Amino acid sequence: MDEYQIPFTGNKIYKAKSTQMNLYRITRDNQLIGFIRWENGGWMLEENAKEELTAENVQLIGEKIDRLKRR
């Protein structure tokens, strides 16, 4: 399974780990904040564990995963 460290605002460490095909577990400083999924050509919030994972953040994190996967 792929795991990416996501550059994001502030000094927090965000990570995205693939748990299933097109499903990523998102953590901030090793605390689960939710799951996002690539579906129908876009990123969607699958499950929200913390309020910090907003729709805007889902898109930003998803875009960064896309960029990191292309390398």
PDB file of N, CA and C in Angstrom:
ATOM      1  N   MET A   1       0.839  -1.180   0.000  1.00  0.00           N
ATOM      2  CA  MET A   1       0.000   0.000   0.000  1.00  0.00           C
ATOM      3  C   MET A   1       0.891   1.253   0.000  1.00  0.00           C
ATOM      4  N   ASP A   2       0.479   2.238  -0.744  1.00  0.00           N
ATOM      5  CA  ASP A   2       1.237   3.482  -0.850  1.00  0.00           C
ATOM      6  C   ASP A   2       0.983   4.361   0.361  1.00  0.00           C
ATOM      7  N   GLU A   3       2.027   5.102   0.766  1.00  0.00           N
ATOM      8  CA  GLU A   3       1.879   6.097   1.827  1.00  0.00           C
ATOM      9  C   GLU A   3       2.628   7.349   1.397  1.00  0.00           C
ATOM     10  N   TYR A   4       1.981   8.497   1.551  1.00  0.00           N
ATOM     11  CA  TYR A   4       2.558   9.768   1.140  1.00  0.00           C
ATOM     12  C   TYR A   4       2.534  10.744   2.302  1.00  0.00           C
ATOM     13  N   GLN A   5       3.629  11.505   2.446  1.00  0.00           N
ATOM     14  CA  GLN A   5       3.624  12.619   3.384  1.00  0.00           C
ATOM     15  C   GLN A   5       3.198  13.834   2.575  1.00  0.00           C
ATOM     16  N   ILE A   6       2.141  14.489   3.031  1.00  0.00           N
ATOM     17  CA  ILE A   6       1.523  15.574   2.279  1.00  0.00           C
ATOM     18  C   ILE A   6       2.010  16.917   2.817  1.00  0.00           C
ATOM     19  N   PRO A   7       2.678  17.722   1.975  1.00  0.00           N
ATOM     20  CA  PRO A   7       3.049  19.068   2.411  1.00  0.00           C
ATOM     21  C   PRO A   7       1.783  19.916   2.552  1.00  0.00           C
ATOM     22  N   PHE A   8       1.585  20.483   3.721  1.00  0.00           N
ATOM     23  CA  PHE A   8       0.369  21.239   3.996  1.00  0.00           C
ATOM     24  C   PHE A   8       0.735  22.423   4.878  1.00  0.00           C
ATOM     25  N   THR A   9      -0.218  23.240   5.222  1.00  0.00           N
ATOM     26  CA  THR A   9       0.039  24.454   5.984  1.00  0.00           C
ATOM     27  C   THR A   9       0.494  24.150   7.405  1.00  0.00           C
ATOM     28  N   GLY A  10       1.262  25.069   7.969  1.00  0.00           N
ATOM     29  CA  GLY A  10       1.690  24.942   9.357  1.00  0.00           C
ATOM     30  C   GLY A  10       2.782  23.907   9.538  1.00  0.00           C
ATOM     31  N   ASN A  11       2.982  23.533  10.803  1.00  0.00           N
ATOM     32  CA  ASN A  11       4.043  22.582  11.113  1.00  0.00           C
ATOM     33  C   ASN A  11       3.491  21.198  11.433  1.00  0.00           C
ATOM     34  N   LYS A  12       2.282  20.915  11.006  1.00  0.00           N
ATOM     35  CA  LYS A  12       1.661  19.607  11.210  1.00  0.00           C
ATOM     36  C   LYS A  12       2.109  18.650  10.108  1.00  0.00           C
ATOM     37  N   ILE A  13       2.191  17.367  10.440  1.00  0.00           N
ATOM     38  CA  ILE A  13       2.574  16.349   9.467  1.00  0.00           C
ATOM     39  C   ILE A  13       1.325  15.598   9.032  1.00  0.00           C
ATOM     40  N   TYR A  14       0.983  15.740   7.762  1.00  0.00           N
ATOM     41  CA  TYR A  14      -0.174  15.051   7.186  1.00  0.00           C
ATOM     42  C   TYR A  14       0.327  13.869   6.371  1.00  0.00           C
ATOM     43  N   LYS A  15      -0.341  12.728   6.519  1.00  0.00           N
ATOM     44  CA  LYS A  15       0.009  11.544   5.740  1.00  0.00           C
ATOM     45  C   LYS A  15      -1.248  10.941   5.145  1.00  0.00           C
ATOM     46  N   ALA A  16      -1.087  10.388   3.950  1.00  0.00           N
ATOM     47  CA  ALA A  16      -2.173   9.681   3.267  1.00  0.00           C
ATOM     48  C   ALA A  16      -1.678   8.273   2.985  1.00  0.00           C
ATOM     49  N   LYS A  17      -2.409   7.290   3.468  1.00  0.00           N
ATOM     50  CA  LYS A  17      -2.028   5.893   3.263  1.00  0.00           C
ATOM     51  C   LYS A  17      -3.156   5.172   2.542  1.00  0.00           C
ATOM     52  N   SER A  18      -2.795   4.519   1.452  1.00  0.00           N
ATOM     53  CA  SER A  18      -3.771   3.755   0.679  1.00  0.00           C
ATOM     54  C   SER A  18      -4.189   2.530   1.488  1.00  0.00           C
ATOM     55  N   THR A  19      -5.504   2.365   1.694  1.00  0.00           N
ATOM     56  CA  THR A  19      -6.005   1.214   2.436  1.00  0.00           C
ATOM     57  C   THR A  19      -6.731   0.237   1.520  1.00  0.00           C
ATOM     58  N   GLN A  20      -7.317   0.750   0.462  1.00  0.00           N
ATOM     59  CA  GLN A  20      -7.966  -0.041  -0.581  1.00  0.00           C
ATOM     60  C   GLN A  20      -7.742   0.716  -1.879  1.00  0.00           C
ATOM     61  N   MET A  21      -8.175   0.130  -2.971  1.00  0.00           N
ATOM     62  CA  MET A  21      -8.026   0.831  -4.239  1.00  0.00           C
ATOM     63  C   MET A  21      -8.815   2.140  -4.191  1.00  0.00           C
ATOM     64  N   ASN A  22      -8.111   3.257  -4.408  1.00  0.00           N
ATOM     65  CA  ASN A  22      -8.693   4.602  -4.448  1.00  0.00           C
ATOM     66  C   ASN A  22      -9.238   5.085  -3.109  1.00  0.00           C
ATOM     67  N   LEU A  23      -8.866   4.477  -1.997  1.00  0.00           N
ATOM     68  CA  LEU A  23      -9.289   4.918  -0.664  1.00  0.00           C
ATOM     69  C   LEU A  23      -8.044   5.196   0.167  1.00  0.00           C
ATOM     70  N   TYR A  24      -7.989   6.387   0.771  1.00  0.00           N
ATOM     71  CA  TYR A  24      -6.823   6.803   1.539  1.00  0.00           C
ATOM     72  C   TYR A  24      -7.216   7.185   2.957  1.00  0.00           C
ATOM     73  N   ARG A  25      -6.407   6.729   3.905  1.00  0.00           N
ATOM     74  CA  ARG A  25      -6.554   7.068   5.324  1.00  0.00           C
ATOM     75  C   ARG A  25      -5.703   8.312   5.555  1.00  0.00           C
ATOM     76  N   ILE A  26      -6.298   9.383   6.073  1.00  0.00           N
ATOM     77  CA  ILE A  26      -5.600  10.649   6.266  1.00  0.00           C
ATOM     78  C   ILE A  26      -5.338  10.849   7.756  1.00  0.00           C
ATOM     79  N   THR A  27      -4.068  11.116   8.088  1.00  0.00           N
ATOM     80  CA  THR A  27      -3.704  11.389   9.476  1.00  0.00           C
ATOM     81  C   THR A  27      -3.000  12.738   9.562  1.00  0.00           C
ATOM     82  N   ARG A  28      -3.124  13.362  10.719  1.00  0.00           N
ATOM     83  CA  ARG A  28      -2.393  14.590  11.024  1.00  0.00           C
ATOM     84  C   ARG A  28      -1.665  14.344  12.330  1.00  0.00           C
ATOM     85  N   ASP A  29      -0.355  14.422  12.307  1.00  0.00           N
ATOM     86  CA  ASP A  29       0.474  14.106  13.475  1.00  0.00           C
ATOM     87  C   ASP A  29       0.089  12.750  14.066  1.00  0.00           C
ATOM     88  N   ASN A  30      -0.064  11.766  13.191  1.00  0.00           N
ATOM     89  CA  ASN A  30      -0.397  10.378  13.547  1.00  0.00           C
ATOM     90  C   ASN A  30      -1.763  10.205  14.192  1.00  0.00           C
ATOM     91  N   GLN A  31      -2.651  11.187  14.060  1.00  0.00           N
ATOM     92  CA  GLN A  31      -4.029  11.085  14.544  1.00  0.00           C
ATOM     93  C   GLN A  31      -4.960  11.011  13.330  1.00  0.00           C
ATOM     94  N   LEU A  32      -5.810  10.007  13.301  1.00  0.00           N
ATOM     95  CA  LEU A  32      -6.741   9.850  12.188  1.00  0.00           C
ATOM     96  C   LEU A  32      -7.683  11.051  12.108  1.00  0.00           C
ATOM     97  N   ILE A  33      -7.781  11.641  10.909  1.00  0.00           N
ATOM     98  CA  ILE A  33      -8.759  12.717  10.719  1.00  0.00           C
ATOM     99  C   ILE A  33      -9.815  12.343   9.691  1.00  0.00           C
ATOM    100  N   GLY A  34      -9.627  11.233   8.968  1.00  0.00           N
ATOM    101  CA  GLY A  34     -10.668  10.785   8.056  1.00  0.00           C
ATOM    102  C   GLY A  34     -10.143   9.962   6.895  1.00  0.00           C
ATOM    103  N   PHE A  35     -11.068   9.618   6.008  1.00  0.00           N
ATOM    104  CA  PHE A  35     -10.764   8.849   4.806  1.00  0.00           C
ATOM    105  C   PHE A  35     -11.276   9.618   3.600  1.00  0.00           C
ATOM    106  N   ILE A  36     -10.489   9.615   2.518  1.00  0.00           N
ATOM    107  CA  ILE A  36     -10.934  10.220   1.271  1.00  0.00           C
ATOM    108  C   ILE A  36     -10.847   9.179   0.160  1.00  0.00           C
ATOM    109  N   ARG A  37     -11.690   9.353  -0.852  1.00  0.00           N
ATOM    110  CA  ARG A  37     -11.768   8.383  -1.948  1.00  0.00           C
ATOM    111  C   ARG A  37     -11.745   9.112  -3.289  1.00  0.00           C
ATOM    112  N   TRP A  38     -11.018   8.510  -4.257  1.00  0.00           N
ATOM    113  CA  TRP A  38     -11.039   8.980  -5.646  1.00  0.00           C
ATOM    114  C   TRP A  38     -12.162   8.237  -6.349  1.00  0.00           C
ATOM    115  N   GLU A  39     -13.163   8.970  -6.822  1.00  0.00           N
ATOM    116  CA  GLU A  39     -14.312   8.336  -7.457  1.00  0.00           C
ATOM    117  C   GLU A  39     -14.910   9.278  -8.493  1.00  0.00           C
ATOM    118  N   ASN A  40     -15.275   8.749  -9.630  1.00  0.00           N
ATOM    119  CA  ASN A  40     -15.918   9.517 -10.705  1.00  0.00           C
ATOM    120  C   ASN A  40     -15.127  10.761 -11.092  1.00  0.00           C
ATOM    121  N   GLY A  41     -13.806  10.650 -11.126  1.00  0.00           N
ATOM    122  CA  GLY A  41     -12.968  11.747 -11.579  1.00  0.00           C
ATOM    123  C   GLY A  41     -12.695  12.825 -10.554  1.00  0.00           C
ATOM    124  N   GLY A  42     -12.985  12.592  -9.275  1.00  0.00           N
ATOM    125  CA  GLY A  42     -12.727  13.595  -8.246  1.00  0.00           C
ATOM    126  C   GLY A  42     -12.558  12.984  -6.869  1.00  0.00           C
ATOM    127  N   TRP A  43     -12.092  13.797  -5.947  1.00  0.00           N
ATOM    128  CA  TRP A  43     -11.863  13.367  -4.570  1.00  0.00           C
ATOM    129  C   TRP A  43     -13.090  13.665  -3.726  1.00  0.00           C
ATOM    130  N   MET A  44     -13.463  12.684  -2.892  1.00  0.00           N
ATOM    131  CA  MET A  44     -14.651  12.825  -2.045  1.00  0.00           C
ATOM    132  C   MET A  44     -14.309  12.403  -0.618  1.00  0.00           C
ATOM    133  N   LEU A  45     -14.979  13.021   0.334  1.00  0.00           N
ATOM    134  CA  LEU A  45     -14.839  12.644   1.732  1.00  0.00           C
ATOM    135  C   LEU A  45     -15.606  11.354   1.958  1.00  0.00           C
ATOM    136  N   GLU A  46     -14.916  10.327   2.418  1.00  0.00           N
ATOM    137  CA  GLU A  46     -15.544   9.035   2.666  1.00  0.00           C
ATOM    138  C   GLU A  46     -16.023   8.949   4.110  1.00  0.00           C
ATOM    139  N   GLU A  47     -15.152   9.337   5.042  1.00  0.00           N
ATOM    140  CA  GLU A  47     -15.489   9.276   6.462  1.00  0.00           C
ATOM    141  C   GLU A  47     -14.707  10.370   7.164  1.00  0.00           C
ATOM    142  N   ASN A  48     -15.355  11.092   8.044  1.00  0.00           N
ATOM    143  CA  ASN A  48     -14.743  12.217   8.733  1.00  0.00           C
ATOM    144  C   ASN A  48     -14.606  11.889  10.210  1.00  0.00           C
ATOM    145  N   ALA A  49     -13.375  11.858  10.714  1.00  0.00           N
ATOM    146  CA  ALA A  49     -13.146  11.588  12.125  1.00  0.00           C
ATOM    147  C   ALA A  49     -12.946  12.888  12.912  1.00  0.00           C
ATOM    148  N   LYS A  50     -12.515  13.929  12.245  1.00  0.00           N
ATOM    149  CA  LYS A  50     -12.280  15.231  12.883  1.00  0.00           C
ATOM    150  C   LYS A  50     -12.831  16.325  11.976  1.00  0.00           C
ATOM    151  N   GLU A  51     -13.173  17.463  12.567  1.00  0.00           N
ATOM    152  CA  GLU A  51     -13.728  18.576  11.792  1.00  0.00           C
ATOM    153  C   GLU A  51     -12.710  19.223  10.862  1.00  0.00           C
ATOM    154  N   GLU A  52     -11.421  18.968  11.068  1.00  0.00           N
ATOM    155  CA  GLU A  52     -10.388  19.609  10.259  1.00  0.00           C
ATOM    156  C   GLU A  52     -10.407  19.168   8.800  1.00  0.00           C
ATOM    157  N   LEU A  53     -11.019  18.033   8.510  1.00  0.00           N
ATOM    158  CA  LEU A  53     -11.041  17.528   7.143  1.00  0.00           C
ATOM    159  C   LEU A  53     -12.276  18.084   6.430  1.00  0.00           C
ATOM    160  N   THR A  54     -12.115  19.293   5.878  1.00  0.00           N
ATOM    161  CA  THR A  54     -13.205  19.967   5.177  1.00  0.00           C
ATOM    162  C   THR A  54     -13.209  19.564   3.703  1.00  0.00           C
ATOM    163  N   ALA A  55     -14.245  19.941   2.994  1.00  0.00           N
ATOM    164  CA  ALA A  55     -14.329  19.644   1.560  1.00  0.00           C
ATOM    165  C   ALA A  55     -13.155  20.275   0.810  1.00  0.00           C
ATOM    166  N   GLU A  56     -12.791  21.490   1.197  1.00  0.00           N
ATOM    167  CA  GLU A  56     -11.659  22.158   0.551  1.00  0.00           C
ATOM    168  C   GLU A  56     -10.359  21.405   0.822  1.00  0.00           C
ATOM    169  N   ASN A  57     -10.156  20.971   2.075  1.00  0.00           N
ATOM    170  CA  ASN A  57      -8.947  20.226   2.410  1.00  0.00           C
ATOM    171  C   ASN A  57      -8.889  18.888   1.685  1.00  0.00           C
ATOM    172  N   VAL A  58     -10.037  18.244   1.506  1.00  0.00           N
ATOM    173  CA  VAL A  58     -10.084  16.977   0.764  1.00  0.00           C
ATOM    174  C   VAL A  58      -9.554  17.197  -0.647  1.00  0.00           C
ATOM    175  N   GLN A  59      -9.979  18.270  -1.303  1.00  0.00           N
ATOM    176  CA  GLN A  59      -9.525  18.557  -2.663  1.00  0.00           C
ATOM    177  C   GLN A  59      -8.032  18.865  -2.697  1.00  0.00           C
ATOM    178  N   LEU A  60      -7.552  19.669  -1.739  1.00  0.00           N
ATOM    179  CA  LEU A  60      -6.130  20.017  -1.702  1.00  0.00           C
ATOM    180  C   LEU A  60      -5.262  18.793  -1.447  1.00  0.00           C
ATOM    181  N   ILE A  61      -5.652  17.966  -0.488  1.00  0.00           N
ATOM    182  CA  ILE A  61      -4.897  16.747  -0.187  1.00  0.00           C
ATOM    183  C   ILE A  61      -4.934  15.806  -1.389  1.00  0.00           C
ATOM    184  N   GLY A  62      -6.100  15.658  -2.001  1.00  0.00           N
ATOM    185  CA  GLY A  62      -6.230  14.802  -3.179  1.00  0.00           C
ATOM    186  C   GLY A  62      -5.342  15.249  -4.328  1.00  0.00           C
ATOM    187  N   GLU A  63      -5.282  16.555  -4.576  1.00  0.00           N
ATOM    188  CA  GLU A  63      -4.419  17.085  -5.633  1.00  0.00           C
ATOM    189  C   GLU A  63      -2.956  16.781  -5.342  1.00  0.00           C
ATOM    190  N   LYS A  64      -2.563  16.886  -4.079  1.00  0.00           N
ATOM    191  CA  LYS A  64      -1.171  16.606  -3.715  1.00  0.00           C
ATOM    192  C   LYS A  64      -0.859  15.118  -3.850  1.00  0.00           C
ATOM    193  N   ILE A  65      -1.810  14.258  -3.529  1.00  0.00           N
ATOM    194  CA  ILE A  65      -1.622  12.815  -3.747  1.00  0.00           C
ATOM    195  C   ILE A  65      -1.435  12.553  -5.237  1.00  0.00           C
ATOM    196  N   ASP A  66      -2.262  13.179  -6.069  1.00  0.00           N
ATOM    197  CA  ASP A  66      -2.143  13.009  -7.525  1.00  0.00           C
ATOM    198  C   ASP A  66      -0.746  13.394  -8.008  1.00  0.00           C
ATOM    199  N   ARG A  67      -0.238  14.531  -7.536  1.00  0.00           N
ATOM    200  CA  ARG A  67       1.096  14.985  -7.946  1.00  0.00           C
ATOM    201  C   ARG A  67       2.179  14.018  -7.487  1.00  0.00           C
ATOM    202  N   LEU A  68       2.076  13.530  -6.251  1.00  0.00           N
ATOM    203  CA  LEU A  68       3.090  12.615  -5.728  1.00  0.00           C
ATOM    204  C   LEU A  68       3.053  11.264  -6.440  1.00  0.00           C
ATOM    205  N   LYS A  69       1.893  10.809  -6.846  1.00  0.00           N
ATOM    206  CA  LYS A  69       1.768   9.520  -7.540  1.00  0.00           C
ATOM    207  C   LYS A  69       2.377   9.558  -8.936  1.00  0.00           C
ATOM    208  N   ARG A  70       2.430  10.708  -9.557  1.00  0.00           N
ATOM    209  CA  ARG A  70       2.954  10.830 -10.925  1.00  0.00           C
ATOM    210  C   ARG A  70       4.467  10.737 -10.977  1.00  0.00           C
ATOM    211  N   ARG A  71       5.138  10.888  -9.856  1.00  0.00           N
ATOM    212  CA  ARG A  71       6.609  10.872  -9.842  1.00  0.00           C
ATOM    213  C   ARG A  71       7.155   9.509 -10.111  1.00  0.00           C
TER     214      ARG A  71
END
